Amino acid sequence: MGAVFIFVPAYGYLPKAIRLNSVIFFPQFFIVLYFHAISYPLGERLRLVDCPDEERKRHKRPTPLTGGIAIYCAFVGRCC
């Protein structure tokens, strides 16, 4: 059986593997954005923040540590 291609005007023909990756990537990207929008204020409210110090940290204000939770939730949600 030959390769199946789809025509996209800006890119020409895309192989099936690229189409499959885009079907997986884009929904997961929006799931991460959704969970990040929830976890960022929650981290500030629960004081799960990284406070900057003079030696190692470059950020200027306390930064929530809940970004990994958002990525994990998106990964688990997409795998199930």
N, C-alpha and C. Protein backbone atom coordinates (compact mmCIF):
# COMPACT_ATOMS: atom_id res chain seq x y z
N MET A 1 0.85 -1.17 0.00
CA MET A 1 0.00 0.00 0.00
C MET A 1 0.90 1.24 0.00
N GLY A 2 0.60 2.20 -0.80
CA GLY A 2 1.41 3.40 -0.93
C GLY A 2 1.14 4.39 0.18
N ALA A 3 2.00 5.39 0.25
CA ALA A 3 1.85 6.44 1.26
C ALA A 3 0.64 7.31 0.93
N VAL A 4 -0.04 7.75 1.96
CA VAL A 4 -1.20 8.59 1.80
C VAL A 4 -0.79 10.03 2.14
N PHE A 5 -1.08 10.96 1.26
CA PHE A 5 -0.72 12.35 1.48
C PHE A 5 -1.97 13.21 1.48
N ILE A 6 -1.91 14.30 2.20
CA ILE A 6 -3.00 15.26 2.21
C ILE A 6 -2.42 16.59 1.74
N PHE A 7 -3.16 17.31 0.95
CA PHE A 7 -2.68 18.59 0.44
C PHE A 7 -3.05 19.71 1.38
N VAL A 8 -2.04 20.46 1.81
CA VAL A 8 -2.23 21.66 2.60
C VAL A 8 -1.65 22.80 1.77
N PRO A 9 -2.43 23.81 1.42
CA PRO A 9 -1.97 24.83 0.48
C PRO A 9 -0.65 25.50 0.86
N ALA A 10 -0.43 25.75 2.14
CA ALA A 10 0.80 26.46 2.53
C ALA A 10 2.01 25.54 2.51
N TYR A 11 1.82 24.24 2.72
CA TYR A 11 2.95 23.33 2.87
C TYR A 11 3.04 22.27 1.78
N GLY A 12 2.08 22.19 0.92
CA GLY A 12 2.08 21.14 -0.08
C GLY A 12 1.47 19.88 0.49
N TYR A 13 2.05 18.73 0.15
CA TYR A 13 1.52 17.45 0.62
C TYR A 13 2.24 17.04 1.90
N LEU A 14 1.47 16.62 2.91
CA LEU A 14 2.03 16.18 4.17
C LEU A 14 1.87 14.68 4.31
N PRO A 15 2.93 13.98 4.75
CA PRO A 15 2.80 12.54 4.97
C PRO A 15 1.89 12.24 6.16
N LYS A 16 1.45 10.99 6.23
CA LYS A 16 0.51 10.57 7.26
C LYS A 16 1.09 10.73 8.66
N ALA A 17 2.39 10.51 8.86
CA ALA A 17 3.01 10.63 10.18
C ALA A 17 2.92 12.06 10.70
N ILE A 18 3.09 13.02 9.85
CA ILE A 18 3.01 14.43 10.28
C ILE A 18 1.57 14.78 10.64
N ARG A 19 0.62 14.29 9.88
CA ARG A 19 -0.78 14.55 10.21
C ARG A 19 -1.13 13.92 11.55
N LEU A 20 -0.66 12.71 11.82
CA LEU A 20 -0.93 12.04 13.08
C LEU A 20 -0.32 12.81 14.25
N ASN A 21 0.91 13.29 14.08
CA ASN A 21 1.55 14.07 15.14
C ASN A 21 0.78 15.36 15.42
N SER A 22 0.26 16.00 14.40
CA SER A 22 -0.49 17.23 14.63
C SER A 22 -1.82 16.95 15.31
N VAL A 23 -2.42 15.80 15.05
CA VAL A 23 -3.66 15.42 15.72
C VAL A 23 -3.40 15.19 17.21
N ILE A 24 -2.22 14.67 17.55
CA ILE A 24 -1.87 14.43 18.94
C ILE A 24 -1.39 15.71 19.61
N PHE A 25 -0.58 16.51 18.93
CA PHE A 25 0.05 17.67 19.55
C PHE A 25 -0.92 18.79 19.87
N PHE A 26 -1.74 19.20 18.93
CA PHE A 26 -2.57 20.38 19.13
C PHE A 26 -3.59 20.24 20.26
N PRO A 27 -4.31 19.12 20.36
CA PRO A 27 -5.22 19.00 21.51
C PRO A 27 -4.46 19.00 22.84
N GLN A 28 -3.30 18.35 22.88
CA GLN A 28 -2.53 18.31 24.12
C GLN A 28 -2.02 19.70 24.47
N PHE A 29 -1.66 20.50 23.49
CA PHE A 29 -1.22 21.87 23.73
C PHE A 29 -2.33 22.68 24.40
N PHE A 30 -3.55 22.53 23.91
CA PHE A 30 -4.66 23.28 24.51
C PHE A 30 -5.03 22.75 25.89
N ILE A 31 -4.83 21.45 26.12
CA ILE A 31 -5.05 20.91 27.46
C ILE A 31 -4.05 21.50 28.43
N VAL A 32 -2.78 21.63 28.03
CA VAL A 32 -1.76 22.25 28.89
C VAL A 32 -2.13 23.70 29.17
N LEU A 33 -2.57 24.44 28.18
CA LEU A 33 -2.97 25.83 28.40
C LEU A 33 -4.12 25.92 29.40
N TYR A 34 -5.07 25.01 29.28
CA TYR A 34 -6.21 25.01 30.20
C TYR A 34 -5.76 24.72 31.63
N PHE A 35 -4.97 23.66 31.81
CA PHE A 35 -4.52 23.32 33.16
C PHE A 35 -3.56 24.36 33.72
N HIS A 36 -2.79 25.01 32.87
CA HIS A 36 -1.90 26.08 33.34
C HIS A 36 -2.71 27.26 33.84
N ALA A 37 -3.78 27.59 33.15
CA ALA A 37 -4.64 28.70 33.58
C ALA A 37 -5.27 28.41 34.93
N ILE A 38 -5.47 27.14 35.24
CA ILE A 38 -6.03 26.77 36.54
C ILE A 38 -4.94 26.68 37.60
N SER A 39 -3.79 26.09 37.26
CA SER A 39 -2.77 25.80 38.26
C SER A 39 -1.95 27.03 38.66
N TYR A 40 -1.80 28.00 37.80
CA TYR A 40 -0.99 29.18 38.12
C TYR A 40 -1.60 29.97 39.29
N PRO A 41 -2.86 30.37 39.23
CA PRO A 41 -3.44 31.08 40.38
C PRO A 41 -3.55 30.19 41.62
N LEU A 42 -3.78 28.89 41.41
CA LEU A 42 -3.86 27.97 42.54
C LEU A 42 -2.52 27.88 43.27
N GLY A 43 -1.43 27.87 42.53
CA GLY A 43 -0.10 27.86 43.14
C GLY A 43 0.18 29.11 43.94
N GLU A 44 -0.27 30.26 43.44
CA GLU A 44 -0.10 31.50 44.20
C GLU A 44 -0.95 31.50 45.45
N ARG A 45 -2.18 31.00 45.34
CA ARG A 45 -3.07 30.98 46.49
C ARG A 45 -2.58 30.03 47.59
N LEU A 46 -2.02 28.89 47.19
CA LEU A 46 -1.52 27.90 48.15
C LEU A 46 -0.07 28.16 48.56
N ARG A 47 0.49 29.23 48.05
CA ARG A 47 1.89 29.63 48.33
C ARG A 47 2.89 28.56 47.89
N LEU A 48 2.63 27.92 46.78
CA LEU A 48 3.57 26.99 46.17
C LEU A 48 4.41 27.77 45.17
N VAL A 49 5.26 28.65 45.70
CA VAL A 49 6.02 29.57 44.85
C VAL A 49 7.51 29.43 45.14
N ASP A 50 8.30 29.77 44.15
CA ASP A 50 9.75 29.82 44.28
C ASP A 50 10.14 31.29 44.42
N CYS A 51 10.68 31.63 45.57
CA CYS A 51 11.09 33.02 45.83
C CYS A 51 12.50 33.23 45.33
N PRO A 52 12.75 34.34 44.64
CA PRO A 52 14.09 34.59 44.11
C PRO A 52 15.07 34.92 45.24
N ASP A 53 16.32 34.52 45.04
CA ASP A 53 17.39 34.93 45.95
C ASP A 53 18.48 35.62 45.13
N GLU A 54 19.47 36.09 45.79
CA GLU A 54 20.52 36.88 45.13
C GLU A 54 21.48 36.01 44.31
N GLU A 55 21.65 34.75 44.68
CA GLU A 55 22.72 33.95 44.08
C GLU A 55 22.33 33.25 42.79
N ARG A 56 21.25 32.50 42.79
CA ARG A 56 20.99 31.59 41.68
C ARG A 56 19.79 31.94 40.82
N LYS A 57 18.80 32.51 41.38
CA LYS A 57 17.54 32.68 40.66
C LYS A 57 17.51 34.02 39.94
N ARG A 58 17.03 34.00 38.72
CA ARG A 58 17.05 35.20 37.89
C ARG A 58 15.73 35.94 37.84
N HIS A 59 14.65 35.29 38.27
CA HIS A 59 13.34 35.95 38.19
C HIS A 59 13.24 37.02 39.28
N LYS A 60 12.40 38.00 39.05
CA LYS A 60 12.29 39.16 39.93
C LYS A 60 11.24 39.00 41.03
N ARG A 61 10.20 38.24 40.76
CA ARG A 61 9.12 38.09 41.75
C ARG A 61 8.86 36.61 41.97
N PRO A 62 8.16 36.24 43.05
CA PRO A 62 7.87 34.82 43.29
C PRO A 62 7.12 34.18 42.12
N THR A 63 7.56 32.99 41.75
CA THR A 63 7.01 32.28 40.61
C THR A 63 6.36 30.98 41.08
N PRO A 64 5.10 30.72 40.71
CA PRO A 64 4.44 29.47 41.11
C PRO A 64 5.16 28.24 40.55
N LEU A 65 5.15 27.17 41.33
CA LEU A 65 5.83 25.93 40.96
C LEU A 65 4.86 24.89 40.41
N THR A 66 3.72 25.30 39.94
CA THR A 66 2.68 24.35 39.54
C THR A 66 2.63 24.09 38.04
N GLY A 67 3.60 24.57 37.28
CA GLY A 67 3.60 24.33 35.83
C GLY A 67 3.78 22.86 35.49
N GLY A 68 4.58 22.15 36.27
CA GLY A 68 4.78 20.73 36.03
C GLY A 68 3.51 19.93 36.25
N ILE A 69 2.69 20.38 37.18
CA ILE A 69 1.40 19.71 37.42
C ILE A 69 0.52 19.83 36.18
N ALA A 70 0.53 21.00 35.54
CA ALA A 70 -0.27 21.20 34.33
C ALA A 70 0.20 20.29 33.21
N ILE A 71 1.50 20.16 33.03
CA ILE A 71 2.04 19.30 31.98
C ILE A 71 1.72 17.84 32.27
N TYR A 72 1.86 17.44 33.52
CA TYR A 72 1.56 16.06 33.91
C TYR A 72 0.08 15.73 33.67
N CYS A 73 -0.81 16.63 34.07
CA CYS A 73 -2.24 16.41 33.86
C CYS A 73 -2.58 16.27 32.38
N ALA A 74 -1.95 17.07 31.55
CA ALA A 74 -2.20 16.98 30.11
C ALA A 74 -1.67 15.66 29.55
N PHE A 75 -0.51 15.23 30.01
CA PHE A 75 0.07 13.98 29.55
C PHE A 75 -0.81 12.80 29.95
N VAL A 76 -1.20 12.75 31.20
CA VAL A 76 -2.02 11.65 31.70
C VAL A 76 -3.40 11.69 31.04
N GLY A 77 -3.96 12.90 30.90
CA GLY A 77 -5.26 13.02 30.27
C GLY A 77 -5.27 12.58 28.82
N ARG A 78 -4.18 12.79 28.12
CA ARG A 78 -4.11 12.42 26.71
C ARG A 78 -3.81 10.93 26.53
N CYS A 79 -3.10 10.35 27.49
CA CYS A 79 -2.75 8.92 27.39
C CYS A 79 -3.94 8.02 27.70
N CYS A 80 -4.86 8.50 28.51
CA CYS A 80 -5.99 7.66 28.92
C CYS A 80 -7.12 7.70 27.93
